[in-house]
Amino acid sequence: MVAIMLLALSGISITANAQTADKVIAVVGKNRIILQSELENQMAQMAQQDATLNNDSTRCEILQQMIVAKLMVEQAERDSLLVSEEEVEATLENRVRYFISMYGSKEKLEQISGKTIYQLKDDNREIIRETMLSERMSGQIMSTVKVTPAEVTTFFNKIPADSLPFFPATVELGQIVIEPGVDPEIEALARKSLEDIRKKIVAGEISFETEAGIESEDPGSRDNGGDLGTMGRNDFVPEFSAAAFKLQNGEISQIVKTKFGFHIIQMVKRQGEQAHLRHILKRPQRTSQDYNKVLVKLDSVRAQLIAGTTTFQEAVGKYATDDMSKRTGGMVTDPQTGSSTMEVDKLDASLALMLDSLKPGAFSKPHIFDRGGGDKAGRIVYMKSITTPHKANLRDDYNRIQEAALNQKKAQRMEKWLAEKLPSFYLKIDPNYVNCSSMHMLQQAQTAKTR
């Protein structure tokens, strides 16, 4: 059985306004229903990610997941598991913020969904509560499920040799990134330039939007007159948020310094912890001397690493200046999975080009690299491990095989739980779906209940 799907906010997708002939296709417990439209909405979201999933088999599996999620909520309420209103509101706020970020602005999200933010939250509050209860119940059921090394080996040995998966080349890379400082005189010039811009705007000589399009060094907002859209307080670095959320509508901030440079911020409109903002950014220009200082520093760090007087993790903690490196212990991670084991073809091109010159355990020479948007920094790259394309084996793929073994054990635990609990629940499934192969376990439990 596939793990229970984390349902996204309904109605927030490009298919939000599609019309579906609606009917009840499943009833769980006393009054928990699943509508055809809810199933089709989930199908549409899956198809956006992978068009090959748009088939009857996937439709049956998603319905099964939705039914099991409802069963989890029923059991959670029987067991008096609770989700507080504060938890629901915080999760709801984070989900809405995610979709605002994905679509670019609050207004764009409202346009696509055909609903106001208030309506979206109101429509999805109960969905979020049920999802959280379902996850909490699932977590309780699975809390004791573990796999031992012996179980992993047994699991692997039971896979027929001709059925072993073929894995592409993977690599584990780390990096120590040091951002260059700025000469104080150049920094003062950048600040003075932005102060002059602010004076012109405040005096009414030019509009904020026009000046942003001419002078701002933020490529992400410059072409939109510095417009950042509507975002939440936590969507910006602390210094930026602290200054922005003090402003009244239409007001322009004093000079604000962040790690990106100097900003002036205009509050277009604020609604609670959400604000529609514009900004103009000036980056102090780094000189070749600034970058040379970084390379000298990194060369010293590399010498320590090669001599073994410091470990990679210690060097990251002591010398790295970028937040991402500190959060991941210096490892380059897949943004979708969070894993430090990455397929080679998913690497940034600048890292992929270095693979031929590095062996496991080696450190690259210090170099300057482009981080995007004209921002540059220095780094050392660490090759932790690399594999060539190969059939699955315990030596190279233990973590993947361990995860597969654990998922199988969790599926078995879930099937056992369903077999024990389902006879005590009312469950009715639309005749069009009762013969789905993925409904086999549910149908068996229903049959057992009537005997």
Protein backbone atom coordinates (compact mmCIF):
# COMPACT_ATOMS: atom_id res chain seq x y z
CA MET A 1 0.00 0.00 0.00
CA VAL A 2 1.31 3.42 -0.91
CA ALA A 3 1.86 5.79 2.04
CA ILE A 4 -1.07 8.07 2.79
CA MET A 5 -1.05 11.10 0.52
CA LEU A 6 -0.56 14.51 2.07
CA LEU A 7 -3.53 16.29 0.55
CA ALA A 8 -2.83 19.77 -0.78
CA LEU A 9 -5.23 22.66 -0.36
CA SER A 10 -8.24 21.90 -2.56
CA GLY A 11 -9.09 24.43 -5.22
CA ILE A 12 -5.56 25.86 -5.49
CA SER A 13 -4.46 24.45 -8.80
CA ILE A 14 -4.75 25.37 -12.44
CA THR A 15 -7.75 23.02 -12.61
CA ALA A 16 -9.50 24.81 -9.75
CA ASN A 17 -12.39 26.05 -11.85
CA ALA A 18 -13.04 22.83 -13.78
CA GLN A 19 -16.64 21.63 -13.51
CA THR A 20 -17.21 17.99 -12.48
CA ALA A 21 -20.53 16.17 -12.20
CA ASP A 22 -20.53 15.53 -8.47
CA LYS A 23 -21.68 12.58 -6.41
CA VAL A 24 -20.73 10.74 -3.24
CA ILE A 25 -18.35 7.87 -4.08
CA ALA A 26 -17.47 6.73 -0.55
CA VAL A 27 -18.83 7.06 2.97
CA VAL A 28 -16.62 6.37 5.99
CA GLY A 29 -18.02 6.19 9.52
CA LYS A 30 -21.15 8.12 10.34
CA ASN A 31 -20.79 11.13 8.07
CA ARG A 32 -17.39 11.39 6.39
CA ILE A 33 -17.95 11.45 2.65
CA ILE A 34 -15.67 11.54 -0.39
CA LEU A 35 -16.99 13.30 -3.48
CA GLN A 36 -16.21 12.52 -7.10
CA SER A 37 -15.00 16.12 -7.48
CA GLU A 38 -12.49 15.66 -4.64
CA LEU A 39 -11.07 12.58 -6.31
CA GLU A 40 -10.86 14.31 -9.69
CA ASN A 41 -9.13 17.30 -8.10
CA GLN A 42 -6.47 14.99 -6.67
CA MET A 43 -6.15 13.27 -10.05
CA ALA A 44 -5.63 16.61 -11.77
CA GLN A 45 -2.86 17.54 -9.34
CA MET A 46 -1.14 14.17 -9.89
CA ALA A 47 -1.43 14.57 -13.68
CA GLN A 48 0.27 17.97 -13.47
CA GLN A 49 3.30 16.24 -11.95
CA ASP A 50 3.24 13.17 -14.22
CA ALA A 51 0.79 12.81 -17.13
CA THR A 52 1.30 9.02 -17.21
CA LEU A 53 -0.50 8.77 -13.85
CA ASN A 54 -3.78 9.90 -15.40
CA ASN A 55 -5.37 6.42 -15.55
CA ASP A 56 -7.98 4.26 -13.81
CA SER A 57 -5.38 2.41 -11.72
CA THR A 58 -4.07 5.65 -10.25
CA ARG A 59 -7.65 6.88 -9.70
CA CYS A 60 -8.43 3.71 -7.70
CA GLU A 61 -5.25 4.01 -5.65
CA ILE A 62 -5.90 7.65 -4.80
CA LEU A 63 -9.45 6.82 -3.70
CA GLN A 64 -8.06 4.06 -1.50
CA GLN A 65 -5.66 6.55 0.09
CA MET A 66 -8.49 9.03 0.66
CA ILE A 67 -10.62 6.32 2.32
CA VAL A 68 -7.75 5.21 4.57
CA ALA A 69 -7.11 8.85 5.53
CA LYS A 70 -10.78 9.17 6.59
CA LEU A 71 -10.47 5.93 8.59
CA MET A 72 -7.43 7.39 10.33
CA VAL A 73 -9.39 10.49 11.31
CA GLU A 74 -12.24 8.35 12.66
CA GLN A 75 -9.80 6.30 14.75
CA ALA A 76 -7.95 9.42 15.92
CA GLU A 77 -11.22 10.83 17.27
CA ARG A 78 -12.04 7.52 18.95
CA ASP A 79 -8.61 7.60 20.61
CA SER A 80 -9.08 11.28 21.59
CA LEU A 81 -6.08 12.46 19.59
CA LEU A 82 -6.25 16.23 19.32
CA VAL A 83 -5.09 18.92 16.93
CA SER A 84 -5.34 22.42 18.37
CA GLU A 85 -6.88 25.36 16.53
CA GLU A 86 -3.50 27.09 16.74
CA GLU A 87 -1.80 24.18 14.95
CA VAL A 88 -4.45 24.15 12.24
CA GLU A 89 -4.20 27.91 11.67
CA ALA A 90 -0.40 27.82 11.56
CA THR A 91 -0.41 24.99 9.02
CA LEU A 92 -3.11 26.67 6.97
CA GLU A 93 -1.14 29.92 6.93
CA ASN A 94 2.03 28.10 5.80
CA ARG A 95 0.17 26.32 3.00
CA VAL A 96 -1.39 29.54 1.73
CA ARG A 97 2.00 31.27 1.93
CA TYR A 98 3.52 28.45 -0.13
CA PHE A 99 0.91 28.84 -2.87
CA ILE A 100 1.30 32.63 -2.86
CA SER A 101 5.02 32.14 -3.36
CA MET A 102 4.42 29.56 -6.10
CA TYR A 103 2.03 31.78 -8.07
CA GLY A 104 3.91 35.02 -7.39
CA SER A 105 1.38 37.06 -5.44
CA LYS A 106 -1.78 36.91 -3.36
CA GLU A 107 -3.71 38.53 -6.21
CA LYS A 108 -2.54 35.90 -8.71
CA LEU A 109 -3.54 33.08 -6.37
CA GLU A 110 -6.98 34.60 -5.87
CA GLN A 111 -7.36 35.04 -9.63
CA ILE A 112 -6.40 31.42 -10.40
CA SER A 113 -8.49 29.88 -7.62
CA GLY A 114 -11.45 32.21 -8.10
CA LYS A 115 -11.57 32.77 -4.33
CA THR A 116 -10.26 35.27 -1.82
CA ILE A 117 -7.57 34.21 0.65
CA TYR A 118 -10.24 34.31 3.38
CA GLN A 119 -12.48 31.96 1.37
CA LEU A 120 -9.59 29.60 0.62
CA LYS A 121 -8.73 29.35 4.29
CA ASP A 122 -12.36 28.87 5.26
CA ASP A 123 -12.88 26.17 2.63
CA ASN A 124 -9.76 24.27 3.64
CA ARG A 125 -9.69 24.60 7.43
CA GLU A 126 -11.48 21.29 8.03
CA ILE A 127 -9.40 19.57 5.34
CA ILE A 128 -6.22 20.67 7.09
CA ARG A 129 -7.54 19.53 10.46
CA GLU A 130 -8.42 16.09 9.11
CA THR A 131 -5.08 15.78 7.31
CA MET A 132 -3.20 16.59 10.52
CA LEU A 133 -5.28 14.11 12.53
CA SER A 134 -4.69 11.44 9.89
CA GLU A 135 -0.94 12.06 9.94
CA ARG A 136 -0.90 11.99 13.74
CA MET A 137 -2.77 8.69 13.82
CA SER A 138 -0.51 7.21 11.15
CA GLY A 139 2.55 8.34 13.07
CA GLN A 140 1.26 6.63 16.19
CA ILE A 141 0.64 3.37 14.32
CA MET A 142 4.10 3.45 12.70
CA SER A 143 6.05 4.74 15.70
CA THR A 144 7.44 1.33 16.63
CA VAL A 145 8.19 0.11 13.09
CA LYS A 146 11.94 -0.25 12.59
CA VAL A 147 14.21 -2.42 10.45
CA THR A 148 17.43 -4.09 11.57
CA PRO A 149 20.49 -4.58 9.32
CA ALA A 150 19.62 -8.29 9.19
CA GLU A 151 16.09 -7.46 7.96
CA VAL A 152 17.53 -5.17 5.27
CA THR A 153 19.83 -7.97 4.06
CA THR A 154 16.96 -10.48 4.07
CA PHE A 155 14.74 -8.06 2.16
CA PHE A 156 17.44 -7.54 -0.49
CA ASN A 157 18.25 -11.23 -0.85
CA LYS A 158 14.60 -12.03 -1.59
CA ILE A 159 14.64 -9.80 -4.69
CA PRO A 160 15.24 -11.95 -7.81
CA ALA A 161 18.53 -11.05 -9.50
CA ASP A 162 16.77 -10.21 -12.76
CA SER A 163 14.40 -7.87 -10.89
CA LEU A 164 17.05 -5.73 -9.19
CA PRO A 165 16.60 -2.05 -10.11
CA PHE A 166 19.23 -0.27 -12.19
CA PHE A 167 20.38 2.93 -10.47
CA PRO A 168 21.89 5.91 -12.31
CA ALA A 169 25.17 7.46 -11.21
CA THR A 170 24.89 9.24 -7.87
CA VAL A 171 27.18 11.51 -5.93
CA GLU A 172 27.51 13.06 -2.48
CA LEU A 173 29.14 16.49 -2.55
CA GLY A 174 29.79 19.08 0.10
CA GLN A 175 31.00 22.64 -0.14
CA ILE A 176 32.45 25.29 2.11
CA VAL A 177 31.21 28.66 0.85
CA ILE A 178 32.70 31.95 1.97
CA GLU A 179 31.13 35.20 0.85
CA PRO A 180 33.54 38.08 0.19
CA GLY A 181 33.53 41.19 2.31
CA VAL A 182 33.19 44.65 0.80
CA ASP A 183 35.60 47.55 0.95
CA PRO A 184 34.11 50.14 3.39
CA GLU A 185 34.54 52.99 0.91
CA ILE A 186 32.66 51.10 -1.83
CA GLU A 187 29.96 50.14 0.65
CA ALA A 188 29.58 53.81 1.61
CA LEU A 189 29.22 54.76 -2.07
CA ALA A 190 26.41 52.22 -2.58
CA ARG A 191 24.60 53.53 0.47
CA LYS A 192 25.02 57.14 -0.66
CA SER A 193 23.67 56.25 -4.12
CA LEU A 194 20.53 54.73 -2.58
CA GLU A 195 20.07 57.69 -0.25
CA ASP A 196 20.07 60.02 -3.28
CA ILE A 197 17.48 57.81 -5.00
CA ARG A 198 15.28 57.88 -1.92
CA LYS A 199 15.43 61.69 -1.75
CA LYS A 200 14.27 61.99 -5.38
CA ILE A 201 11.34 59.64 -4.77
CA VAL A 202 10.27 61.31 -1.51
CA ALA A 203 10.50 64.74 -3.18
CA GLY A 204 8.12 63.53 -5.89
CA GLU A 205 10.66 63.96 -8.69
CA ILE A 206 10.17 60.36 -9.87
CA SER A 207 7.95 57.43 -8.92
CA PHE A 208 9.20 54.48 -6.91
CA GLU A 209 8.30 52.05 -9.72
CA THR A 210 10.13 54.04 -12.40
CA GLU A 211 13.27 54.44 -10.30
CA ALA A 212 13.24 50.73 -9.40
CA GLY A 213 13.13 49.83 -13.08
CA ILE A 214 16.15 52.06 -13.73
CA GLU A 215 18.30 51.65 -10.63
CA SER A 216 17.43 48.46 -8.73
CA GLU A 217 19.95 45.62 -8.86
CA ASP A 218 17.43 42.93 -7.98
CA PRO A 219 16.77 41.12 -11.29
CA GLY A 220 13.75 39.34 -9.82
CA SER A 221 11.72 42.52 -9.23
CA ARG A 222 13.40 45.25 -11.26
CA ASP A 223 11.34 44.69 -14.41
CA ASN A 224 8.15 44.90 -12.31
CA GLY A 225 8.99 48.27 -10.79
CA GLY A 226 10.49 46.64 -7.69
CA ASP A 227 7.21 44.82 -6.94
CA LEU A 228 7.63 41.86 -4.57
CA GLY A 229 3.95 40.96 -4.52
CA THR A 230 2.10 40.10 -1.33
CA MET A 231 4.18 38.05 1.09
CA GLY A 232 4.30 37.19 4.79
CA ARG A 233 6.58 38.54 7.48
CA ASN A 234 8.55 35.28 7.58
CA ASP A 235 9.19 35.26 3.82
CA PHE A 236 12.00 37.82 4.11
CA VAL A 237 15.29 38.02 5.99
CA PRO A 238 14.74 39.44 9.51
CA GLU A 239 16.26 42.88 8.89
CA PHE A 240 14.07 43.40 5.83
CA SER A 241 10.88 42.27 7.60
CA ALA A 242 11.59 44.36 10.69
CA ALA A 243 11.85 47.52 8.60
CA ALA A 244 9.03 46.72 6.17
CA PHE A 245 6.36 45.86 8.72
CA LYS A 246 6.86 49.13 10.58
CA LEU A 247 5.73 51.10 7.53
CA GLN A 248 2.30 52.59 6.89
CA ASN A 249 0.62 52.20 3.50
CA GLY A 250 2.51 54.26 0.93
CA GLU A 251 5.44 54.97 3.27
CA ILE A 252 9.07 54.47 2.20
CA SER A 253 11.66 53.11 4.60
CA GLN A 254 15.05 54.51 5.47
CA ILE A 255 18.08 52.60 4.14
CA VAL A 256 17.98 48.93 5.23
CA LYS A 257 21.08 46.76 5.14
CA THR A 258 20.80 42.98 4.63
CA LYS A 259 23.20 40.32 3.39
CA PHE A 260 22.02 41.14 -0.14
CA GLY A 261 22.99 44.81 0.03
CA PHE A 262 21.13 48.06 0.75
CA HIS A 263 17.37 48.45 0.25
CA ILE A 264 14.66 51.06 0.40
CA ILE A 265 11.21 49.53 0.86
CA GLN A 266 7.77 50.86 0.01
CA MET A 267 4.68 49.52 1.77
CA VAL A 268 1.95 49.35 -0.88
CA LYS A 269 -0.66 47.74 1.36
CA ARG A 270 -0.59 45.73 4.56
CA GLN A 271 -3.14 43.16 5.71
CA GLY A 272 -2.16 41.76 9.10
CA GLU A 273 0.98 39.64 8.71
CA GLN A 274 0.79 39.90 4.90
CA ALA A 275 2.14 42.90 3.01
CA HIS A 276 2.35 44.05 -0.59
CA LEU A 277 5.83 45.55 -0.95
CA ARG A 278 8.19 47.16 -3.44
CA HIS A 279 11.91 47.62 -2.99
CA ILE A 280 15.03 49.00 -4.65
CA LEU A 281 18.30 47.14 -4.08
CA LYS A 282 21.83 48.44 -4.39
CA ARG A 283 24.65 45.90 -4.08
CA PRO A 284 28.09 47.20 -3.09
CA GLN A 285 30.41 46.04 -5.86
CA ARG A 286 33.15 43.63 -4.87
CA THR A 287 36.64 44.11 -6.25
CA SER A 288 39.19 41.53 -7.37
CA GLN A 289 40.98 42.20 -4.10
CA ASP A 290 37.87 41.18 -2.13
CA TYR A 291 37.69 37.88 -4.02
CA ASN A 292 41.42 37.26 -3.64
CA LYS A 293 41.07 37.53 0.14
CA VAL A 294 38.41 34.81 0.02
CA LEU A 295 40.64 32.53 -2.06
CA VAL A 296 43.55 32.99 0.34
CA LYS A 297 41.28 32.12 3.27
CA LEU A 298 39.90 29.04 1.50
CA ASP A 299 43.42 27.92 0.57
CA SER A 300 44.28 27.93 4.27
CA VAL A 301 41.13 25.96 5.10
CA ARG A 302 41.92 23.39 2.38
CA ALA A 303 45.43 22.92 3.77
CA GLN A 304 43.91 22.12 7.19
CA LEU A 305 41.50 19.63 5.62
CA ILE A 306 44.23 17.83 3.68
CA ALA A 307 46.51 17.74 6.74
CA GLY A 308 43.65 16.31 8.81
CA THR A 309 43.86 19.00 11.48
CA THR A 310 40.17 19.76 10.97
CA THR A 311 37.22 17.77 9.62
CA PHE A 312 34.91 18.91 6.85
CA GLN A 313 32.02 19.36 9.30
CA GLU A 314 34.20 21.38 11.66
CA ALA A 315 35.40 23.59 8.80
CA VAL A 316 31.82 24.24 7.65
CA GLY A 317 30.81 25.28 11.16
CA LYS A 318 33.84 27.50 11.63
CA TYR A 319 34.35 29.11 8.21
CA ALA A 320 31.21 28.85 6.00
CA THR A 321 29.29 32.11 5.81
CA ASP A 322 26.18 31.15 3.83
CA ASP A 323 23.06 29.97 5.67
CA MET A 324 22.34 27.00 3.37
CA SER A 325 25.72 25.37 4.03
CA LYS A 326 25.24 25.70 7.77
CA ARG A 327 21.75 24.15 7.62
CA THR A 328 22.92 21.10 5.66
CA GLY A 329 26.30 20.61 7.30
CA GLY A 330 27.87 21.74 4.04
CA MET A 331 26.29 18.97 1.96
CA VAL A 332 24.66 19.75 -1.39
CA THR A 333 21.08 18.42 -1.15
CA ASP A 334 18.25 17.62 -3.51
CA PRO A 335 15.68 20.42 -2.96
CA GLN A 336 12.79 17.99 -3.50
CA THR A 337 13.89 15.16 -1.20
CA GLY A 338 16.42 16.82 1.11
CA SER A 339 18.79 13.90 0.45
CA SER A 340 22.52 14.50 0.06
CA THR A 341 22.74 11.55 -2.36
CA MET A 342 21.94 13.07 -5.74
CA GLU A 343 21.72 11.73 -9.26
CA VAL A 344 24.53 13.22 -11.31
CA ASP A 345 22.18 14.65 -13.94
CA LYS A 346 20.42 16.71 -11.25
CA LEU A 347 23.58 18.55 -10.25
CA ASP A 348 24.19 22.19 -11.04
CA ALA A 349 26.34 22.35 -14.17
CA SER A 350 29.25 24.01 -12.35
CA LEU A 351 29.40 21.08 -9.91
CA ALA A 352 28.87 18.38 -12.54
CA LEU A 353 31.90 19.65 -14.48
CA MET A 354 34.11 19.06 -11.43
CA LEU A 355 33.34 15.35 -11.03
CA ASP A 356 36.09 14.13 -13.35
CA SER A 357 38.76 15.96 -11.37
CA LEU A 358 37.71 14.76 -7.89
CA LYS A 359 37.99 11.38 -6.20
CA PRO A 360 36.11 10.31 -3.05
CA GLY A 361 37.60 12.05 -0.02
CA ALA A 362 39.23 14.81 -2.13
CA PHE A 363 38.83 18.59 -1.92
CA SER A 364 38.81 20.91 -4.92
CA LYS A 365 41.04 23.90 -5.20
CA PRO A 366 39.43 27.16 -4.00
CA HIS A 367 37.53 28.97 -6.74
CA ILE A 368 34.98 31.73 -7.29
CA PHE A 369 31.55 30.65 -8.55
CA ASP A 370 28.37 32.38 -9.68
CA ARG A 371 25.41 31.86 -7.33
CA GLY A 372 22.93 33.50 -9.70
CA GLY A 373 21.65 37.03 -10.06
CA GLY A 374 25.20 38.36 -10.35
CA ASP A 375 26.09 37.19 -6.84
CA LYS A 376 29.49 35.49 -6.52
CA ALA A 377 31.29 33.74 -3.67
CA GLY A 378 34.25 31.44 -3.07
CA ARG A 379 34.11 27.75 -2.25
CA ILE A 380 35.91 24.45 -1.81
CA VAL A 381 34.03 21.36 -3.05
CA TYR A 382 34.31 18.06 -1.16
CA MET A 383 33.69 14.74 -2.88
CA LYS A 384 32.28 12.37 -0.25
CA SER A 385 31.26 9.51 -2.55
CA ILE A 386 30.30 8.67 -6.11
CA THR A 387 28.77 5.66 -7.82
CA THR A 388 28.63 4.63 -11.47
CA PRO A 389 25.40 3.40 -13.09
CA HIS A 390 24.82 -0.07 -11.61
CA LYS A 391 22.39 -2.70 -10.48
CA ALA A 392 21.30 -2.29 -6.88
CA ASN A 393 23.67 -3.76 -4.30
CA LEU A 394 24.01 -3.55 -0.53
CA ARG A 395 27.41 -1.86 -0.57
CA ASP A 396 26.52 1.15 -2.72
CA ASP A 397 22.79 1.40 -2.08
CA TYR A 398 22.28 0.38 1.55
CA ASN A 399 20.32 3.52 2.46
CA ARG A 400 17.93 3.11 -0.48
CA ILE A 401 17.41 -0.58 0.25
CA GLN A 402 16.92 0.16 3.96
CA GLU A 403 14.23 2.71 3.08
CA ALA A 404 12.48 0.21 0.76
CA ALA A 405 12.59 -2.47 3.48
CA LEU A 406 11.19 -0.02 6.02
CA ASN A 407 8.38 1.03 3.64
CA GLN A 408 7.46 -2.62 3.08
CA LYS A 409 7.33 -3.22 6.83
CA LYS A 410 5.19 -0.11 7.31
CA ALA A 411 2.82 -1.30 4.57
CA GLN A 412 2.50 -4.66 6.33
CA ARG A 413 1.82 -2.91 9.62
CA MET A 414 -0.86 -0.77 7.97
CA GLU A 415 -2.52 -3.80 6.38
CA LYS A 416 -2.60 -5.51 9.78
CA TRP A 417 -4.07 -2.40 11.40
CA LEU A 418 -6.76 -2.15 8.73
CA ALA A 419 -7.63 -5.83 9.09
CA GLU A 420 -8.08 -5.30 12.84
CA LYS A 421 -9.97 -2.01 12.73
CA LEU A 422 -12.02 -2.00 9.54
CA PRO A 423 -14.74 -4.38 10.78
CA SER A 424 -15.67 -1.77 13.41
CA PHE A 425 -16.20 1.01 10.83
CA TYR A 426 -19.09 1.70 8.50
CA LEU A 427 -17.75 1.83 4.96
CA LYS A 428 -19.63 2.17 1.68
CA ILE A 429 -17.90 2.45 -1.70
CA ASP A 430 -19.49 3.36 -5.04
CA PRO A 431 -20.08 0.22 -7.16
CA ASN A 432 -17.91 1.71 -9.93
CA TYR A 433 -14.88 1.37 -7.64
CA VAL A 434 -15.50 -1.75 -5.56
CA ASN A 435 -13.70 -3.99 -8.06
CA CYS A 436 -10.51 -1.93 -8.07
CA SER A 437 -7.54 -4.15 -7.21
CA SER A 438 -6.32 -1.51 -4.75
CA MET A 439 -9.60 -1.92 -2.81
CA HIS A 440 -8.89 -5.62 -2.16
CA MET A 441 -7.90 -5.18 1.49
CA LEU A 442 -10.89 -2.94 2.19
CA GLN A 443 -13.29 -5.39 0.53
CA GLN A 444 -11.85 -8.34 2.48
CA ALA A 445 -12.41 -6.49 5.75
CA GLN A 446 -15.98 -5.63 4.73
CA THR A 447 -16.65 -9.28 3.92
CA ALA A 448 -15.20 -10.35 7.28
CA LYS A 449 -17.53 -7.91 9.05
CA THR A 450 -20.65 -9.43 7.51
CA ARG A 451 -19.79 -13.04 8.32
